[in-house]
Amino acid sequence: MHQFLPNGQALLIRPAKPEDAPALLACFREITRETAFLLFTHAEAEALDLRTEQEFIRSFGDNSRHLLLLAEVDGDIAGTITVRQRNFQRQLHMGELGIALLHAYWNLGIGRRLMTAAMRWAEQHPELEQLYFSVLAHNEKAIQLYRNFGFLEYGRQPKGIKLADGTYGDLVWMQKIVERR
């Protein structure tokens, strides 16, 4: 379904397809160049190849327990959201959430709309009871977004990430119990 952003641009949130691999890989590389908020470094993103990206996309399409959505703005990929359900029988009720958005599209409500789409998917997923993830403690805007969706902090990992300049950042672990609709 097409939506519109406050600036008038068209937004489409949809599942990724293998043919999206070149554009998705380019988007991911650009995101890692722009921000240090991701666990992936730019060098790690540059090391990925097209085949690996296609396999990554297929791993979501081939598994009903996983979700990979793209946010397209006027036909260009602006960001993604993922949910990966755990593989262990005792943790099938848990899914790890991840979101990434190009800097040019921050503060337009795209992150909120991606989160809304992922929450709707999770609410209809029969096994999923809990979503969790880690976020850098200094990523205050993201933490506020997650809190707005009912995620709660359940722990902190001091020096959980080492930044390019050699300094450390704490990781905040957050979770939400999935409500059935």
C-alpha atoms as a PDB file:
ATOM      1  CA  MET A   1       0.000   0.000   0.000  1.00  0.00           C
ATOM      2  CA  HIS A   2       1.342   3.411  -0.932  1.00  0.00           C
ATOM      3  CA  GLN A   3       1.561   6.061   1.729  1.00  0.00           C
ATOM      4  CA  PHE A   4       2.835   9.616   1.597  1.00  0.00           C
ATOM      5  CA  LEU A   5       5.483  11.318   3.698  1.00  0.00           C
ATOM      6  CA  PRO A   6       5.097  14.816   5.156  1.00  0.00           C
ATOM      7  CA  ASN A   7       7.277  16.152   2.309  1.00  0.00           C
ATOM      8  CA  GLY A   8       4.899  14.654  -0.305  1.00  0.00           C
ATOM      9  CA  GLN A   9       7.131  11.770  -1.397  1.00  0.00           C
ATOM     10  CA  ALA A  10       5.508   8.363  -1.955  1.00  0.00           C
ATOM     11  CA  LEU A  11       6.390   5.606   0.531  1.00  0.00           C
ATOM     12  CA  LEU A  12       5.911   1.907  -0.154  1.00  0.00           C
ATOM     13  CA  ILE A  13       6.666  -0.730   2.483  1.00  0.00           C
ATOM     14  CA  ARG A  14       6.943  -4.206   0.978  1.00  0.00           C
ATOM     15  CA  PRO A  15       8.729  -7.542   1.338  1.00  0.00           C
ATOM     16  CA  ALA A  16      12.180  -7.740  -0.251  1.00  0.00           C
ATOM     17  CA  LYS A  17      12.703  -9.880  -3.362  1.00  0.00           C
ATOM     18  CA  PRO A  18      15.990 -11.392  -4.624  1.00  0.00           C
ATOM     19  CA  GLU A  19      16.019  -8.920  -7.528  1.00  0.00           C
ATOM     20  CA  ASP A  20      16.261  -6.112  -4.930  1.00  0.00           C
ATOM     21  CA  ALA A  21      19.753  -7.332  -3.988  1.00  0.00           C
ATOM     22  CA  PRO A  22      21.818  -4.719  -5.914  1.00  0.00           C
ATOM     23  CA  ALA A  23      19.812  -1.766  -4.590  1.00  0.00           C
ATOM     24  CA  LEU A  24      19.550  -3.224  -1.083  1.00  0.00           C
ATOM     25  CA  LEU A  25      23.292  -3.854  -0.912  1.00  0.00           C
ATOM     26  CA  ALA A  26      24.016  -0.301  -2.101  1.00  0.00           C
ATOM     27  CA  CYS A  27      21.596   1.078   0.494  1.00  0.00           C
ATOM     28  CA  PHE A  28      23.147  -0.979   3.293  1.00  0.00           C
ATOM     29  CA  ARG A  29      26.667   0.102   2.329  1.00  0.00           C
ATOM     30  CA  GLU A  30      25.565   3.738   2.364  1.00  0.00           C
ATOM     31  CA  ILE A  31      23.893   3.367   5.769  1.00  0.00           C
ATOM     32  CA  THR A  32      27.086   1.892   7.241  1.00  0.00           C
ATOM     33  CA  ARG A  33      29.035   4.819   5.766  1.00  0.00           C
ATOM     34  CA  GLU A  34      26.652   7.365   7.329  1.00  0.00           C
ATOM     35  CA  THR A  35      26.200   6.062  10.856  1.00  0.00           C
ATOM     36  CA  ALA A  36      28.021   4.250  13.636  1.00  0.00           C
ATOM     37  CA  PHE A  37      24.711   3.128  15.181  1.00  0.00           C
ATOM     38  CA  LEU A  38      24.840  -0.298  13.477  1.00  0.00           C
ATOM     39  CA  LEU A  39      26.844  -3.306  14.608  1.00  0.00           C
ATOM     40  CA  PHE A  40      28.107  -3.762  11.024  1.00  0.00           C
ATOM     41  CA  THR A  41      31.030  -1.590   9.932  1.00  0.00           C
ATOM     42  CA  HIS A  42      31.336  -0.004   6.518  1.00  0.00           C
ATOM     43  CA  ALA A  43      34.303  -2.284   5.712  1.00  0.00           C
ATOM     44  CA  GLU A  44      32.185  -5.340   6.542  1.00  0.00           C
ATOM     45  CA  ALA A  45      29.367  -4.054   4.328  1.00  0.00           C
ATOM     46  CA  GLU A  46      31.789  -3.394   1.465  1.00  0.00           C
ATOM     47  CA  ALA A  47      33.047  -6.987   1.741  1.00  0.00           C
ATOM     48  CA  LEU A  48      29.570  -8.363   0.993  1.00  0.00           C
ATOM     49  CA  ASP A  49      28.903  -9.417  -2.582  1.00  0.00           C
ATOM     50  CA  LEU A  50      25.746  -9.597  -4.657  1.00  0.00           C
ATOM     51  CA  ARG A  51      25.386 -13.359  -4.275  1.00  0.00           C
ATOM     52  CA  THR A  52      25.583 -13.094  -0.478  1.00  0.00           C
ATOM     53  CA  GLU A  53      22.937 -10.367  -0.518  1.00  0.00           C
ATOM     54  CA  GLN A  54      20.639 -12.469  -2.709  1.00  0.00           C
ATOM     55  CA  GLU A  55      21.054 -15.416  -0.328  1.00  0.00           C
ATOM     56  CA  PHE A  56      20.308 -13.105   2.604  1.00  0.00           C
ATOM     57  CA  ILE A  57      17.054 -11.994   0.974  1.00  0.00           C
ATOM     58  CA  ARG A  58      16.118 -15.575   0.055  1.00  0.00           C
ATOM     59  CA  SER A  59      16.705 -16.680   3.659  1.00  0.00           C
ATOM     60  CA  PHE A  60      13.800 -14.444   4.631  1.00  0.00           C
ATOM     61  CA  GLY A  61      11.547 -15.365   1.720  1.00  0.00           C
ATOM     62  CA  ASP A  62      12.084 -19.076   2.296  1.00  0.00           C
ATOM     63  CA  ASN A  63      11.224 -18.939   5.995  1.00  0.00           C
ATOM     64  CA  SER A  64       7.807 -17.888   7.301  1.00  0.00           C
ATOM     65  CA  ARG A  65       9.409 -17.241  10.699  1.00  0.00           C
ATOM     66  CA  HIS A  66      11.457 -14.340   9.344  1.00  0.00           C
ATOM     67  CA  LEU A  67      10.470 -10.925   7.992  1.00  0.00           C
ATOM     68  CA  LEU A  68      12.404  -8.538   5.741  1.00  0.00           C
ATOM     69  CA  LEU A  69      10.568  -5.390   4.666  1.00  0.00           C
ATOM     70  CA  LEU A  70      11.894  -2.560   2.521  1.00  0.00           C
ATOM     71  CA  ALA A  71      10.875   1.069   2.696  1.00  0.00           C
ATOM     72  CA  GLU A  72      10.891   2.566  -0.798  1.00  0.00           C
ATOM     73  CA  VAL A  73      10.633   6.316  -1.255  1.00  0.00           C
ATOM     74  CA  ASP A  74       9.762   7.327  -4.797  1.00  0.00           C
ATOM     75  CA  GLY A  75      11.112   3.947  -5.949  1.00  0.00           C
ATOM     76  CA  ASP A  76      14.442   4.094  -4.081  1.00  0.00           C
ATOM     77  CA  ILE A  77      15.212   1.884  -1.077  1.00  0.00           C
ATOM     78  CA  ALA A  78      15.416   4.098   2.008  1.00  0.00           C
ATOM     79  CA  GLY A  79      15.679   1.447   4.719  1.00  0.00           C
ATOM     80  CA  THR A  80      14.723  -1.960   6.053  1.00  0.00           C
ATOM     81  CA  ILE A  81      13.294  -3.744   9.040  1.00  0.00           C
ATOM     82  CA  THR A  82      13.893  -7.387   9.896  1.00  0.00           C
ATOM     83  CA  VAL A  83      12.575  -9.901  12.386  1.00  0.00           C
ATOM     84  CA  ARG A  84      14.426 -13.195  12.758  1.00  0.00           C
ATOM     85  CA  GLN A  85      12.794 -15.829  14.892  1.00  0.00           C
ATOM     86  CA  ARG A  86      15.180 -17.938  16.941  1.00  0.00           C
ATOM     87  CA  ASN A  87      15.980 -21.434  15.640  1.00  0.00           C
ATOM     88  CA  PHE A  88      16.164 -23.275  18.950  1.00  0.00           C
ATOM     89  CA  GLN A  89      12.971 -25.053  20.014  1.00  0.00           C
ATOM     90  CA  ARG A  90      13.070 -23.442  23.459  1.00  0.00           C
ATOM     91  CA  GLN A  91      13.410 -19.989  21.926  1.00  0.00           C
ATOM     92  CA  LEU A  92      10.988 -20.194  19.008  1.00  0.00           C
ATOM     93  CA  HIS A  93       8.800 -17.694  20.858  1.00  0.00           C
ATOM     94  CA  MET A  94      11.492 -14.999  20.441  1.00  0.00           C
ATOM     95  CA  GLY A  95      12.345 -12.818  17.453  1.00  0.00           C
ATOM     96  CA  GLU A  96      15.242 -10.403  17.010  1.00  0.00           C
ATOM     97  CA  LEU A  97      14.307  -7.071  15.444  1.00  0.00           C
ATOM     98  CA  GLY A  98      16.624  -4.895  13.352  1.00  0.00           C
ATOM     99  CA  ILE A  99      16.027  -1.604  11.574  1.00  0.00           C
ATOM    100  CA  ALA A 100      18.230   0.577   9.372  1.00  0.00           C
ATOM    101  CA  LEU A 101      17.406   3.786   7.529  1.00  0.00           C
ATOM    102  CA  LEU A 102      19.408   6.106   5.279  1.00  0.00           C
ATOM    103  CA  HIS A 103      20.173   9.414   7.000  1.00  0.00           C
ATOM    104  CA  ALA A 104      18.382  11.435   4.302  1.00  0.00           C
ATOM    105  CA  TYR A 105      15.127   9.786   5.420  1.00  0.00           C
ATOM    106  CA  TRP A 106      15.447  10.278   9.172  1.00  0.00           C
ATOM    107  CA  ASN A 107      12.696  12.278  10.912  1.00  0.00           C
ATOM    108  CA  LEU A 108      10.074  11.627   8.216  1.00  0.00           C
ATOM    109  CA  GLY A 109       8.153   8.931  10.095  1.00  0.00           C
ATOM    110  CA  ILE A 110       9.552   6.040   8.039  1.00  0.00           C
ATOM    111  CA  GLY A 111      11.041   4.283  11.067  1.00  0.00           C
ATOM    112  CA  ARG A 112       7.675   4.499  12.821  1.00  0.00           C
ATOM    113  CA  ARG A 113       5.894   3.076   9.776  1.00  0.00           C
ATOM    114  CA  LEU A 114       8.402   0.233   9.444  1.00  0.00           C
ATOM    115  CA  MET A 115       7.948  -0.545  13.145  1.00  0.00           C
ATOM    116  CA  THR A 116       4.156  -0.509  12.730  1.00  0.00           C
ATOM    117  CA  ALA A 117       4.378  -2.978   9.836  1.00  0.00           C
ATOM    118  CA  ALA A 118       6.708  -5.286  11.787  1.00  0.00           C
ATOM    119  CA  MET A 119       4.492  -5.146  14.885  1.00  0.00           C
ATOM    120  CA  ARG A 120       1.417  -6.068  12.814  1.00  0.00           C
ATOM    121  CA  TRP A 121       3.304  -9.010  11.323  1.00  0.00           C
ATOM    122  CA  ALA A 122       4.477 -10.148  14.778  1.00  0.00           C
ATOM    123  CA  GLU A 123       0.962  -9.898  16.241  1.00  0.00           C
ATOM    124  CA  GLN A 124      -0.307 -12.323  13.585  1.00  0.00           C
ATOM    125  CA  HIS A 125       2.631 -14.710  13.832  1.00  0.00           C
ATOM    126  CA  PRO A 126       1.389 -17.754  15.792  1.00  0.00           C
ATOM    127  CA  GLU A 127       4.620 -18.672  17.605  1.00  0.00           C
ATOM    128  CA  LEU A 128       6.103 -15.236  18.247  1.00  0.00           C
ATOM    129  CA  GLU A 129       5.611 -13.997  21.804  1.00  0.00           C
ATOM    130  CA  GLN A 130       8.534 -11.641  22.317  1.00  0.00           C
ATOM    131  CA  LEU A 131      10.689  -9.265  20.265  1.00  0.00           C
ATOM    132  CA  TYR A 132      14.127  -8.156  21.400  1.00  0.00           C
ATOM    133  CA  PHE A 133      17.246  -6.347  20.161  1.00  0.00           C
ATOM    134  CA  SER A 134      20.188  -4.270  21.301  1.00  0.00           C
ATOM    135  CA  VAL A 135      20.722  -0.595  20.528  1.00  0.00           C
ATOM    136  CA  LEU A 136      23.614   1.746  21.279  1.00  0.00           C
ATOM    137  CA  ALA A 137      22.883   3.709  24.436  1.00  0.00           C
ATOM    138  CA  HIS A 138      23.675   7.035  22.747  1.00  0.00           C
ATOM    139  CA  ASN A 139      21.128   6.396  19.957  1.00  0.00           C
ATOM    140  CA  GLU A 140      18.493   8.319  21.894  1.00  0.00           C
ATOM    141  CA  LYS A 141      16.066   8.896  18.998  1.00  0.00           C
ATOM    142  CA  ALA A 142      15.898   5.177  18.252  1.00  0.00           C
ATOM    143  CA  ILE A 143      15.414   4.324  21.924  1.00  0.00           C
ATOM    144  CA  GLN A 144      12.540   6.803  22.115  1.00  0.00           C
ATOM    145  CA  LEU A 145      10.954   5.266  19.004  1.00  0.00           C
ATOM    146  CA  TYR A 146      11.189   1.801  20.555  1.00  0.00           C
ATOM    147  CA  ARG A 147       9.712   3.026  23.840  1.00  0.00           C
ATOM    148  CA  ASN A 148       6.823   4.555  21.899  1.00  0.00           C
ATOM    149  CA  PHE A 149       6.096   1.043  20.621  1.00  0.00           C
ATOM    150  CA  GLY A 150       6.108  -0.423  24.130  1.00  0.00           C
ATOM    151  CA  PHE A 151       9.639  -1.829  24.212  1.00  0.00           C
ATOM    152  CA  LEU A 152      11.248  -1.848  27.644  1.00  0.00           C
ATOM    153  CA  GLU A 153      14.898  -1.851  28.608  1.00  0.00           C
ATOM    154  CA  TYR A 154      15.827  -5.088  30.351  1.00  0.00           C
ATOM    155  CA  GLY A 155      19.574  -4.705  30.591  1.00  0.00           C
ATOM    156  CA  ARG A 156      22.724  -2.844  29.664  1.00  0.00           C
ATOM    157  CA  GLN A 157      25.969  -4.222  28.413  1.00  0.00           C
ATOM    158  CA  PRO A 158      28.776  -1.813  29.336  1.00  0.00           C
ATOM    159  CA  LYS A 159      31.339  -1.459  26.548  1.00  0.00           C
ATOM    160  CA  GLY A 160      29.176  -3.733  24.409  1.00  0.00           C
ATOM    161  CA  ILE A 161      30.498  -2.172  21.210  1.00  0.00           C
ATOM    162  CA  LYS A 162      33.902  -0.801  20.219  1.00  0.00           C
ATOM    163  CA  LEU A 163      33.740   2.175  17.887  1.00  0.00           C
ATOM    164  CA  ALA A 164      36.158   3.009  15.061  1.00  0.00           C
ATOM    165  CA  ASP A 165      37.944   5.633  17.169  1.00  0.00           C
ATOM    166  CA  GLY A 166      38.731   3.044  19.853  1.00  0.00           C
ATOM    167  CA  THR A 167      36.124   4.272  22.326  1.00  0.00           C
ATOM    168  CA  TYR A 168      33.382   2.048  23.635  1.00  0.00           C
ATOM    169  CA  GLY A 169      29.632   2.353  23.714  1.00  0.00           C
ATOM    170  CA  ASP A 170      27.130   0.641  25.960  1.00  0.00           C
ATOM    171  CA  LEU A 171      24.440  -1.556  24.457  1.00  0.00           C
ATOM    172  CA  VAL A 172      20.882  -1.279  25.739  1.00  0.00           C
ATOM    173  CA  TRP A 173      18.881  -4.497  25.470  1.00  0.00           C
ATOM    174  CA  MET A 174      15.163  -3.983  24.895  1.00  0.00           C
ATOM    175  CA  GLN A 175      12.170  -6.294  24.571  1.00  0.00           C
ATOM    176  CA  LYS A 176       8.438  -6.283  24.060  1.00  0.00           C
ATOM    177  CA  ILE A 177       5.835  -8.938  24.693  1.00  0.00           C
ATOM    178  CA  VAL A 178       3.831  -9.375  21.482  1.00  0.00           C
ATOM    179  CA  GLU A 179       0.128  -8.694  21.866  1.00  0.00           C
ATOM    180  CA  ARG A 180      -2.258 -10.848  19.866  1.00  0.00           C
ATOM    181  CA  ARG A 181      -4.926  -9.023  17.853  1.00  0.00           C
END
